[in-house]
Amino acid sequence: MTDILKPDKMPQVEEAVRWALTHGKALEVLGAGSKRAIGRPAQTDLTLDLSGLTGMLLYEPDELVLSARAGTPLAEIEAMVAASGQELAFEPMSFGALLGAPSGGPTIGGVIAANVSGPRRFKAGAARDHLLGFTAVSGRGEVFKSGGRVVKNVTGYDLCKLMAGSWGTLAVLLDITIKILPRPEMELTVLLFGLDDGAAVRAMTAALASNCDVSGAAHLPAIVAARVPSIATAASNRAVTALRLEGVAPGVAHRRAMLERAVAATTVAATDVAATDVAACGEGGAIEGSASRELWRAIRDVEPFAAAHTGADRPLWRVSIAPSKSAALALAVSGGVSGSGDAQVLYDWGGGLLLILPPPFGDGGAALVRSALAAAGGTFPASGSFAAASGTSAATGFIAGGHATLIRAPAALRAAVDVFQPQEPVLAALTKRVKESFDPKGVLNPGRMWAGV
């Protein structure tokens, strides 16, 4: 059984990394372990558990800045800033229900390491866009800092962007400084019922292209909407397209009227217009307050595909692509193989993000999802079956336009297929050089993202 190191002071983390470096040991770096099942299976000797490295270091509500140790629970931070009428605007999701992970929720270090975001991503950015600074220990056993406590910071290289999304493969985060923002006074969600996927994407595109300042745009096909308690009854076995507005009450009311006009003017088929029944859920076809927050929490955490609904071992893909291509990609995945059964899809970010439960295949749907992504303008190494699917020769390399990540699957499957998007040879070489610069001996989470890195 893998030994566990659980420091509760920052110097102890440095000592642990130096010990591992000296003795040729590899460390699995984790916080609460809520995202432990994402990525290739651990190839490590010991676990470096940072859940004991907790505590707030700084919170200045007037300056909109907060610093905390990396193992501090996200829930603790959210509760503290909420008491001051503030929030983490990037709306970090929790993977716990999705992966069937133990209760306890993520840590702020894990959120940054995975560059987590939520439905507000297209407006507020991801975790990396709110990271002001950090202290970390590299795989060389050296403590280093980057950034500071102000938004406009020009001290040295922008390592914040590099650390966010590195999944603990470059350094162990010790403390983190992030910016926070005021929480909107009011939240309201306009609901449209019965749109097919293509019409829903067009409606979301129209909403995001308007002056309505929409902060959330998602589409849940009927089978997915039925698993969300806050809208299941009103949906009545129909698809639901949700458009969120936030701000002061008079402004939200004005923008709601503008939004409904913008969506109604969208060029869709007559049957789609008839199906857009905005009066079918509550007064004026909208939900607000706690009901709206419950809906977006379910979308943020992908609750319709939670392990309790679909099983903890059923593969789930997270695909980013141009919204204009998303409906075609979903159709290709669900109808890619005759008799395979339909896929289930949840659309977020106005169609720019798809969460896909593919039909059951031995490879978890890897070939189907990546070939469908390629056909829709995505990215993959053009060789073998992938090249045949896209009509691209191996000599042309890669097709740009999107990426797919396997965020849930059994360990054996995660070891057999690419979990993260395969990289172009030039990018793969750069990734390897960056890894060698920070962690030349491969001490930290080796092979978690790509084999040999």
Protein backbone atom coordinates (compact mmCIF):
# COMPACT_ATOMS: atom_id res chain seq x y z
CA MET A 1 0.00 0.00 0.00
CA THR A 2 1.29 3.46 -0.89
CA ASP A 3 2.67 5.36 2.10
CA ILE A 4 1.12 8.74 2.87
CA LEU A 5 2.99 11.89 3.83
CA LYS A 6 0.70 14.51 5.37
CA PRO A 7 2.49 17.76 6.20
CA ASP A 8 0.70 20.51 8.10
CA LYS A 9 3.40 23.14 7.70
CA MET A 10 4.88 24.54 4.51
CA PRO A 11 8.54 23.72 5.34
CA GLN A 12 7.52 20.08 5.74
CA VAL A 13 6.35 20.00 2.12
CA GLU A 14 9.76 21.22 0.97
CA GLU A 15 11.43 18.55 3.10
CA ALA A 16 9.18 15.83 1.66
CA VAL A 17 10.00 16.77 -1.93
CA ARG A 18 13.72 16.93 -1.21
CA TRP A 19 13.58 13.54 0.50
CA ALA A 20 11.78 12.02 -2.49
CA LEU A 21 14.32 13.60 -4.83
CA THR A 22 17.23 12.23 -2.83
CA HIS A 23 15.81 8.70 -2.61
CA GLY A 24 14.51 8.49 -6.17
CA LYS A 25 10.85 8.28 -5.14
CA ALA A 26 7.84 9.59 -7.06
CA LEU A 27 5.08 11.48 -5.25
CA GLU A 28 1.36 11.55 -5.95
CA VAL A 29 0.35 15.12 -5.06
CA LEU A 30 -3.23 15.64 -3.91
CA GLY A 31 -5.43 17.77 -1.70
CA ALA A 32 -8.78 16.31 -0.69
CA GLY A 33 -8.60 13.72 -3.48
CA SER A 34 -11.85 14.81 -5.15
CA LYS A 35 -10.17 14.75 -8.60
CA ARG A 36 -7.88 11.80 -7.93
CA ALA A 37 -9.57 9.64 -10.57
CA ILE A 38 -8.92 12.15 -13.38
CA GLY A 39 -5.85 11.52 -15.50
CA ARG A 40 -3.73 8.45 -16.06
CA PRO A 41 -3.39 6.13 -13.03
CA ALA A 42 -0.75 7.13 -10.51
CA GLN A 43 2.75 5.79 -11.11
CA THR A 44 4.09 6.80 -7.72
CA ASP A 45 5.70 5.43 -4.56
CA LEU A 46 4.17 7.73 -1.97
CA THR A 47 1.24 10.12 -1.61
CA LEU A 48 1.86 13.71 -0.58
CA ASP A 49 -1.44 14.66 1.06
CA LEU A 50 -1.82 18.44 1.40
CA SER A 51 -5.21 18.38 3.11
CA GLY A 52 -3.53 19.29 6.40
CA LEU A 53 -2.00 22.44 4.95
CA THR A 54 -4.97 24.68 5.71
CA GLY A 55 -5.77 28.18 6.87
CA MET A 56 -6.53 31.67 5.63
CA LEU A 57 -3.48 33.92 5.31
CA LEU A 58 -5.17 37.11 4.14
CA TYR A 59 -8.66 38.33 3.34
CA GLU A 60 -9.24 41.97 2.45
CA PRO A 61 -12.84 42.37 1.21
CA ASP A 62 -12.31 46.03 0.28
CA GLU A 63 -9.31 45.10 -1.88
CA LEU A 64 -11.04 42.03 -3.38
CA VAL A 65 -8.12 39.77 -2.58
CA LEU A 66 -7.71 36.55 -0.59
CA SER A 67 -4.74 34.32 0.28
CA ALA A 68 -4.96 30.82 1.69
CA ARG A 69 -2.85 27.72 2.13
CA ALA A 70 -3.29 25.20 -0.67
CA GLY A 71 -5.13 22.59 1.38
CA THR A 72 -7.84 24.96 2.56
CA PRO A 73 -11.29 23.56 1.66
CA LEU A 74 -13.01 25.49 -1.11
CA ALA A 75 -16.27 25.42 0.85
CA GLU A 76 -14.60 27.28 3.72
CA ILE A 77 -13.38 30.00 1.38
CA GLU A 78 -16.74 30.32 -0.37
CA ALA A 79 -18.55 30.64 2.96
CA MET A 80 -16.17 33.34 4.14
CA VAL A 81 -16.44 35.51 1.04
CA ALA A 82 -20.23 34.97 0.84
CA ALA A 83 -20.55 36.49 4.32
CA SER A 84 -19.10 39.69 2.84
CA GLY A 85 -21.37 39.62 -0.20
CA GLN A 86 -18.61 38.34 -2.49
CA GLU A 87 -17.88 35.23 -4.55
CA LEU A 88 -15.33 33.37 -6.66
CA ALA A 89 -16.55 34.61 -10.02
CA PHE A 90 -15.04 31.71 -11.98
CA GLU A 91 -17.61 29.44 -10.30
CA PRO A 92 -15.40 26.37 -9.66
CA MET A 93 -17.15 23.04 -10.06
CA SER A 94 -16.93 20.14 -7.66
CA PHE A 95 -16.12 16.73 -9.16
CA GLY A 96 -17.17 14.79 -6.08
CA ALA A 97 -20.62 13.62 -7.22
CA LEU A 98 -19.42 13.08 -10.77
CA LEU A 99 -16.59 10.77 -9.75
CA GLY A 100 -18.23 9.25 -6.71
CA ALA A 101 -15.42 10.71 -4.60
CA PRO A 102 -15.54 10.87 -0.79
CA SER A 103 -17.44 13.80 0.69
CA GLY A 104 -15.45 16.81 1.80
CA GLY A 105 -15.17 18.79 -1.41
CA PRO A 106 -12.14 20.20 -3.23
CA THR A 107 -9.32 22.33 -1.87
CA ILE A 108 -8.32 25.69 -3.29
CA GLY A 109 -4.99 24.19 -4.37
CA GLY A 110 -6.74 21.45 -6.32
CA VAL A 111 -9.02 23.98 -7.98
CA ILE A 112 -6.02 25.97 -9.21
CA ALA A 113 -3.96 22.91 -10.17
CA ALA A 114 -6.82 21.66 -12.37
CA ASN A 115 -7.74 25.16 -13.63
CA VAL A 116 -11.37 24.50 -12.73
CA SER A 117 -14.19 26.72 -13.93
CA GLY A 118 -17.96 26.68 -14.23
CA PRO A 119 -20.85 27.96 -16.37
CA ARG A 120 -19.61 31.56 -16.12
CA ARG A 121 -16.37 30.59 -17.86
CA PHE A 122 -17.08 32.45 -21.12
CA LYS A 123 -17.66 35.68 -19.19
CA ALA A 124 -15.46 35.54 -16.08
CA GLY A 125 -12.70 33.19 -17.21
CA ALA A 126 -11.26 30.12 -15.51
CA ALA A 127 -9.32 29.75 -12.26
CA ARG A 128 -6.07 30.86 -13.90
CA ASP A 129 -7.62 34.23 -14.77
CA HIS A 130 -8.25 34.90 -11.07
CA LEU A 131 -4.92 33.63 -9.73
CA LEU A 132 -2.81 36.60 -8.63
CA GLY A 133 0.13 34.78 -7.06
CA PHE A 134 1.38 31.64 -5.34
CA THR A 135 4.21 29.99 -3.46
CA ALA A 136 5.26 26.48 -4.49
CA VAL A 137 7.95 23.82 -4.25
CA SER A 138 9.33 22.61 -7.58
CA GLY A 139 10.38 19.07 -8.34
CA ARG A 140 13.92 20.29 -7.71
CA GLY A 141 12.99 20.80 -4.06
CA GLU A 142 13.20 24.59 -4.40
CA VAL A 143 10.65 27.03 -3.01
CA PHE A 144 9.68 29.79 -5.44
CA LYS A 145 7.06 32.50 -5.72
CA SER A 146 5.26 34.20 -8.56
CA GLY A 147 2.84 37.11 -8.77
CA GLY A 148 1.59 39.09 -5.82
CA ARG A 149 -1.50 40.54 -4.22
CA VAL A 150 -2.55 43.02 -6.87
CA VAL A 151 -4.21 42.51 -10.25
CA LYS A 152 -1.70 44.61 -12.18
CA ASN A 153 1.50 42.72 -11.43
CA VAL A 154 4.50 42.69 -13.76
CA THR A 155 7.06 40.91 -11.60
CA GLY A 156 8.88 38.31 -13.68
CA TYR A 157 7.33 35.53 -15.78
CA ASP A 158 3.61 34.89 -15.59
CA LEU A 159 3.94 31.47 -13.98
CA CYS A 160 0.36 31.62 -12.72
CA LYS A 161 -0.89 30.65 -16.18
CA LEU A 162 1.59 27.78 -16.27
CA MET A 163 0.76 26.33 -12.86
CA ALA A 164 -3.00 26.51 -13.37
CA GLY A 165 -3.96 23.34 -15.20
CA SER A 166 -0.64 21.55 -14.65
CA TRP A 167 -2.31 19.00 -12.34
CA GLY A 168 0.54 18.99 -9.85
CA THR A 169 3.09 17.79 -12.40
CA LEU A 170 5.37 20.85 -12.19
CA ALA A 171 5.28 21.99 -8.57
CA VAL A 172 3.50 21.54 -5.24
CA LEU A 173 1.42 24.60 -4.44
CA LEU A 174 1.84 25.88 -0.88
CA ASP A 175 -0.24 29.03 -0.77
CA ILE A 176 -2.43 30.83 -3.26
CA THR A 177 -3.65 34.39 -3.74
CA ILE A 178 -6.79 34.98 -5.80
CA LYS A 179 -9.04 37.87 -6.65
CA ILE A 180 -12.68 37.83 -5.63
CA LEU A 181 -15.63 39.87 -6.86
CA PRO A 182 -18.92 41.21 -5.47
CA ARG A 183 -21.81 38.75 -5.68
CA PRO A 184 -24.67 39.93 -7.92
CA GLU A 185 -27.71 41.29 -6.11
CA MET A 186 -30.12 39.18 -8.16
CA GLU A 187 -30.04 36.08 -10.33
CA LEU A 188 -32.71 35.08 -12.85
CA THR A 189 -32.79 32.32 -15.45
CA VAL A 190 -34.98 32.39 -18.55
CA LEU A 191 -36.05 28.88 -19.58
CA LEU A 192 -36.93 27.74 -23.08
CA PHE A 193 -38.60 24.36 -23.52
CA GLY A 194 -38.56 21.82 -26.32
CA LEU A 195 -35.77 23.09 -28.56
CA ASP A 196 -33.72 20.51 -30.40
CA ASP A 197 -29.95 20.72 -30.04
CA GLY A 198 -29.36 22.78 -33.18
CA ALA A 199 -32.10 25.29 -32.38
CA ALA A 200 -30.86 25.55 -28.78
CA VAL A 201 -27.33 26.37 -29.91
CA ARG A 202 -28.69 29.06 -32.23
CA ALA A 203 -30.77 30.53 -29.39
CA MET A 204 -27.76 30.55 -27.04
CA THR A 205 -25.61 32.14 -29.73
CA ALA A 206 -28.18 34.88 -30.22
CA ALA A 207 -28.36 35.44 -26.46
CA LEU A 208 -24.58 35.71 -26.08
CA ALA A 209 -24.31 37.99 -29.10
CA SER A 210 -26.89 40.39 -27.64
CA ASN A 211 -26.33 43.25 -25.19
CA CYS A 212 -28.08 41.33 -22.41
CA ASP A 213 -24.87 40.37 -20.55
CA VAL A 214 -25.84 36.72 -20.19
CA SER A 215 -23.69 34.95 -17.58
CA GLY A 216 -24.80 31.37 -18.23
CA ALA A 217 -26.09 29.55 -21.32
CA ALA A 218 -26.75 25.82 -21.19
CA HIS A 219 -28.91 23.24 -22.94
CA LEU A 220 -30.15 20.03 -21.37
CA PRO A 221 -31.82 17.49 -23.68
CA ALA A 222 -34.96 15.92 -22.23
CA ILE A 223 -33.30 12.84 -20.71
CA VAL A 224 -30.73 15.07 -19.01
CA ALA A 225 -33.19 17.74 -17.81
CA ALA A 226 -35.32 15.03 -16.17
CA ARG A 227 -32.48 14.44 -13.67
CA VAL A 228 -32.42 18.06 -12.44
CA PRO A 229 -35.02 18.47 -9.66
CA SER A 230 -35.33 22.26 -9.98
CA ILE A 231 -36.66 22.01 -13.57
CA ALA A 232 -37.75 18.39 -14.04
CA THR A 233 -41.44 19.00 -13.29
CA ALA A 234 -41.74 22.09 -15.46
CA ALA A 235 -39.75 20.47 -18.28
CA SER A 236 -42.29 17.65 -18.47
CA ASN A 237 -40.02 15.39 -20.54
CA ARG A 238 -38.88 18.24 -22.77
CA ALA A 239 -35.45 19.68 -23.40
CA VAL A 240 -34.54 22.83 -21.45
CA THR A 241 -32.38 25.72 -22.61
CA ALA A 242 -31.32 27.98 -19.73
CA LEU A 243 -30.08 31.58 -20.02
CA ARG A 244 -28.87 33.31 -16.84
CA LEU A 245 -28.94 37.01 -16.03
CA GLU A 246 -27.32 38.60 -12.98
CA GLY A 247 -27.13 42.10 -11.52
CA VAL A 248 -29.38 44.63 -9.82
CA ALA A 249 -33.11 43.92 -10.01
CA PRO A 250 -34.17 46.76 -12.40
CA GLY A 251 -31.33 45.94 -14.77
CA VAL A 252 -32.13 42.24 -14.77
CA ALA A 253 -35.79 42.94 -15.53
CA HIS A 254 -34.86 45.20 -18.44
CA ARG A 255 -32.34 42.73 -19.85
CA ARG A 256 -34.80 39.88 -19.53
CA ALA A 257 -37.21 41.65 -21.87
CA MET A 258 -34.35 42.33 -24.29
CA LEU A 259 -33.20 38.72 -24.08
CA GLU A 260 -36.61 37.25 -24.85
CA ARG A 261 -36.90 39.51 -27.90
CA ALA A 262 -33.41 38.53 -29.07
CA VAL A 263 -34.15 34.83 -28.75
CA ALA A 264 -37.54 35.17 -30.44
CA ALA A 265 -35.86 36.89 -33.37
CA THR A 266 -33.43 34.03 -33.85
CA THR A 267 -33.73 32.46 -37.29
CA VAL A 268 -35.07 29.01 -36.43
CA ALA A 269 -37.66 26.73 -37.97
CA ALA A 270 -41.31 27.50 -37.29
CA THR A 271 -41.61 24.34 -35.22
CA ASP A 272 -38.74 25.50 -33.05
CA VAL A 273 -40.41 28.86 -32.45
CA ALA A 274 -43.62 27.14 -31.44
CA ALA A 275 -41.71 24.92 -29.05
CA THR A 276 -40.06 27.90 -27.35
CA ASP A 277 -42.65 28.12 -24.61
CA VAL A 278 -41.22 30.68 -22.18
CA ALA A 279 -44.46 30.75 -20.19
CA ALA A 280 -44.35 27.10 -19.18
CA CYS A 281 -42.17 27.45 -16.09
CA GLY A 282 -43.33 29.91 -13.49
CA GLU A 283 -44.36 33.49 -14.10
CA GLY A 284 -42.86 34.81 -17.29
CA GLY A 285 -40.98 31.57 -18.02
CA ALA A 286 -38.18 32.19 -15.55
CA ILE A 287 -36.86 31.02 -12.22
CA GLU A 288 -34.86 33.16 -9.83
CA GLY A 289 -33.12 33.20 -6.49
CA SER A 290 -32.44 29.84 -4.87
CA ALA A 291 -34.18 27.90 -7.67
CA SER A 292 -31.92 29.49 -10.27
CA ARG A 293 -28.81 28.90 -8.15
CA GLU A 294 -29.80 25.25 -7.67
CA LEU A 295 -30.13 24.80 -11.43
CA TRP A 296 -26.73 26.30 -12.20
CA ARG A 297 -25.09 24.35 -9.40
CA ALA A 298 -26.43 21.17 -11.01
CA ILE A 299 -25.10 22.28 -14.41
CA ARG A 300 -21.77 23.35 -12.91
CA ASP A 301 -21.21 20.01 -11.17
CA VAL A 302 -22.70 17.97 -14.06
CA GLU A 303 -25.12 16.40 -11.60
CA PRO A 304 -27.26 14.70 -14.29
CA PHE A 305 -24.23 12.50 -15.04
CA ALA A 306 -23.30 11.93 -11.39
CA ALA A 307 -22.04 8.49 -10.45
CA ALA A 308 -25.31 7.89 -8.58
CA HIS A 309 -27.25 8.21 -11.88
CA THR A 310 -24.91 6.64 -14.44
CA GLY A 311 -22.45 4.54 -12.44
CA ALA A 312 -18.97 5.52 -11.30
CA ASP A 313 -17.27 3.54 -14.08
CA ARG A 314 -19.22 4.81 -17.09
CA PRO A 315 -16.85 6.88 -19.25
CA LEU A 316 -17.57 10.59 -19.50
CA TRP A 317 -15.91 13.02 -21.92
CA ARG A 318 -15.47 16.77 -21.63
CA VAL A 319 -15.20 18.33 -25.10
CA SER A 320 -14.42 21.95 -25.95
CA ILE A 321 -15.29 23.06 -29.46
CA ALA A 322 -16.65 26.05 -31.36
CA PRO A 323 -20.37 26.38 -30.44
CA SER A 324 -21.36 26.35 -34.10
CA LYS A 325 -19.95 22.81 -34.36
CA SER A 326 -21.27 21.38 -31.10
CA ALA A 327 -24.67 20.08 -32.24
CA ALA A 328 -23.09 18.31 -35.21
CA LEU A 329 -20.49 16.72 -32.96
CA ALA A 330 -23.16 15.50 -30.51
CA LEU A 331 -25.13 14.01 -33.39
CA ALA A 332 -22.04 12.26 -34.74
CA VAL A 333 -21.27 10.73 -31.36
CA SER A 334 -24.82 9.55 -30.67
CA GLY A 335 -25.34 8.18 -34.17
CA GLY A 336 -21.77 7.27 -35.02
CA VAL A 337 -22.32 3.50 -34.93
CA SER A 338 -25.55 1.80 -35.91
CA GLY A 339 -27.21 0.04 -33.01
CA SER A 340 -24.75 1.37 -30.44
CA GLY A 341 -27.37 3.34 -28.54
CA ASP A 342 -27.69 7.08 -28.18
CA ALA A 343 -25.16 9.16 -26.30
CA GLN A 344 -26.24 11.60 -23.63
CA VAL A 345 -25.01 15.17 -23.87
CA LEU A 346 -25.10 18.31 -21.72
CA TYR A 347 -24.25 21.63 -23.40
CA ASP A 348 -22.64 24.49 -21.45
CA TRP A 349 -20.80 27.73 -22.31
CA GLY A 350 -23.36 28.49 -25.01
CA GLY A 351 -22.48 25.23 -26.77
CA GLY A 352 -18.71 25.62 -26.41
CA LEU A 353 -18.50 22.82 -23.85
CA LEU A 354 -20.05 19.38 -24.17
CA LEU A 355 -20.21 16.72 -21.48
CA ILE A 356 -20.73 13.45 -23.32
CA LEU A 357 -21.70 9.97 -22.16
CA PRO A 358 -20.86 7.97 -25.30
CA PRO A 359 -22.42 4.66 -26.30
CA PRO A 360 -20.76 1.69 -24.54
CA PHE A 361 -17.48 0.69 -26.21
CA GLY A 362 -14.41 -1.12 -24.97
CA ASP A 363 -12.27 1.99 -25.46
CA GLY A 364 -14.74 4.20 -23.59
CA GLY A 365 -15.77 5.83 -26.85
CA ALA A 366 -12.28 7.28 -27.40
CA ALA A 367 -12.12 6.54 -31.13
CA LEU A 368 -15.71 7.67 -31.68
CA VAL A 369 -15.37 10.93 -29.73
CA ARG A 370 -12.00 11.91 -31.18
CA SER A 371 -12.97 11.05 -34.76
CA ALA A 372 -16.24 12.98 -34.37
CA LEU A 373 -14.25 15.91 -32.98
CA ALA A 374 -11.94 15.75 -35.97
CA ALA A 375 -14.84 15.66 -38.41
CA ALA A 376 -16.31 18.71 -36.68
CA GLY A 377 -13.00 20.57 -36.80
CA GLY A 378 -11.27 19.34 -33.66
CA THR A 379 -7.74 18.19 -32.94
CA PHE A 380 -6.13 14.73 -32.91
CA PRO A 381 -3.08 12.97 -34.32
CA ALA A 382 -4.05 12.15 -37.91
CA SER A 383 -3.07 8.53 -38.18
CA GLY A 384 -4.77 5.16 -38.37
CA SER A 385 -8.54 5.12 -37.90
CA PHE A 386 -8.53 8.79 -36.94
CA ALA A 387 -6.99 9.76 -40.26
CA ALA A 388 -9.51 7.63 -42.11
CA ALA A 389 -12.38 9.21 -40.21
CA SER A 390 -11.33 12.73 -41.10
CA GLY A 391 -9.83 12.14 -44.53
CA THR A 392 -6.51 13.48 -43.28
CA SER A 393 -3.19 11.82 -44.04
CA ALA A 394 -0.71 11.09 -41.27
CA ALA A 395 1.74 13.47 -42.94
CA THR A 396 -0.49 16.48 -42.32
CA GLY A 397 -0.30 16.00 -38.56
CA PHE A 398 -3.09 17.61 -36.55
CA ILE A 399 -6.36 19.41 -37.20
CA ALA A 400 -6.98 22.43 -34.98
CA GLY A 401 -10.26 23.46 -33.41
CA GLY A 402 -11.05 21.73 -30.12
CA HIS A 403 -10.05 19.12 -27.59
CA ALA A 404 -11.52 16.22 -25.63
CA THR A 405 -10.64 15.00 -22.12
CA LEU A 406 -11.73 11.73 -20.56
CA ILE A 407 -12.74 12.89 -17.09
CA ARG A 408 -14.25 9.65 -15.81
CA ALA A 409 -13.34 6.04 -16.53
CA PRO A 410 -11.98 2.95 -14.75
CA ALA A 411 -8.24 2.97 -14.08
CA ALA A 412 -7.54 0.26 -16.66
CA LEU A 413 -9.19 2.32 -19.39
CA ARG A 414 -7.38 5.50 -18.34
CA ALA A 415 -4.12 3.61 -18.66
CA ALA A 416 -4.99 2.32 -22.13
CA VAL A 417 -6.25 5.46 -23.93
CA ASP A 418 -5.21 9.10 -24.00
CA VAL A 419 -7.00 10.88 -21.16
CA PHE A 420 -5.95 14.40 -22.11
CA GLN A 421 -5.94 15.65 -25.68
CA PRO A 422 -2.99 14.21 -27.65
CA GLN A 423 -0.50 16.96 -28.43
CA GLU A 424 1.19 17.92 -31.67
CA PRO A 425 4.83 16.76 -31.74
CA VAL A 426 6.16 20.31 -31.35
CA LEU A 427 3.83 21.04 -28.43
CA ALA A 428 4.59 17.67 -26.85
CA ALA A 429 8.31 18.42 -27.01
CA LEU A 430 7.75 21.82 -25.39
CA THR A 431 5.61 20.24 -22.66
CA LYS A 432 8.39 17.77 -21.91
CA ARG A 433 11.02 20.53 -21.72
CA VAL A 434 8.86 22.53 -19.31
CA LYS A 435 8.39 19.42 -17.14
CA GLU A 436 12.15 18.81 -17.14
CA SER A 437 12.80 22.43 -16.16
CA PHE A 438 10.61 22.24 -13.06
CA ASP A 439 10.86 18.53 -12.26
CA PRO A 440 13.87 16.94 -14.02
CA LYS A 441 13.72 13.67 -12.05
CA GLY A 442 9.98 13.14 -12.50
CA VAL A 443 9.19 13.31 -8.79
CA LEU A 444 5.77 15.01 -9.01
CA ASN A 445 2.75 13.15 -10.46
CA PRO A 446 4.77 11.50 -13.26
CA GLY A 447 2.70 10.40 -16.23
CA ARG A 448 -0.57 11.79 -14.93
CA MET A 449 -1.31 13.85 -18.01
CA TRP A 450 0.73 12.10 -20.72
CA ALA A 451 2.92 8.99 -20.65
CA GLY A 452 6.56 9.81 -20.09
CA VAL A 453 5.90 13.36 -18.88
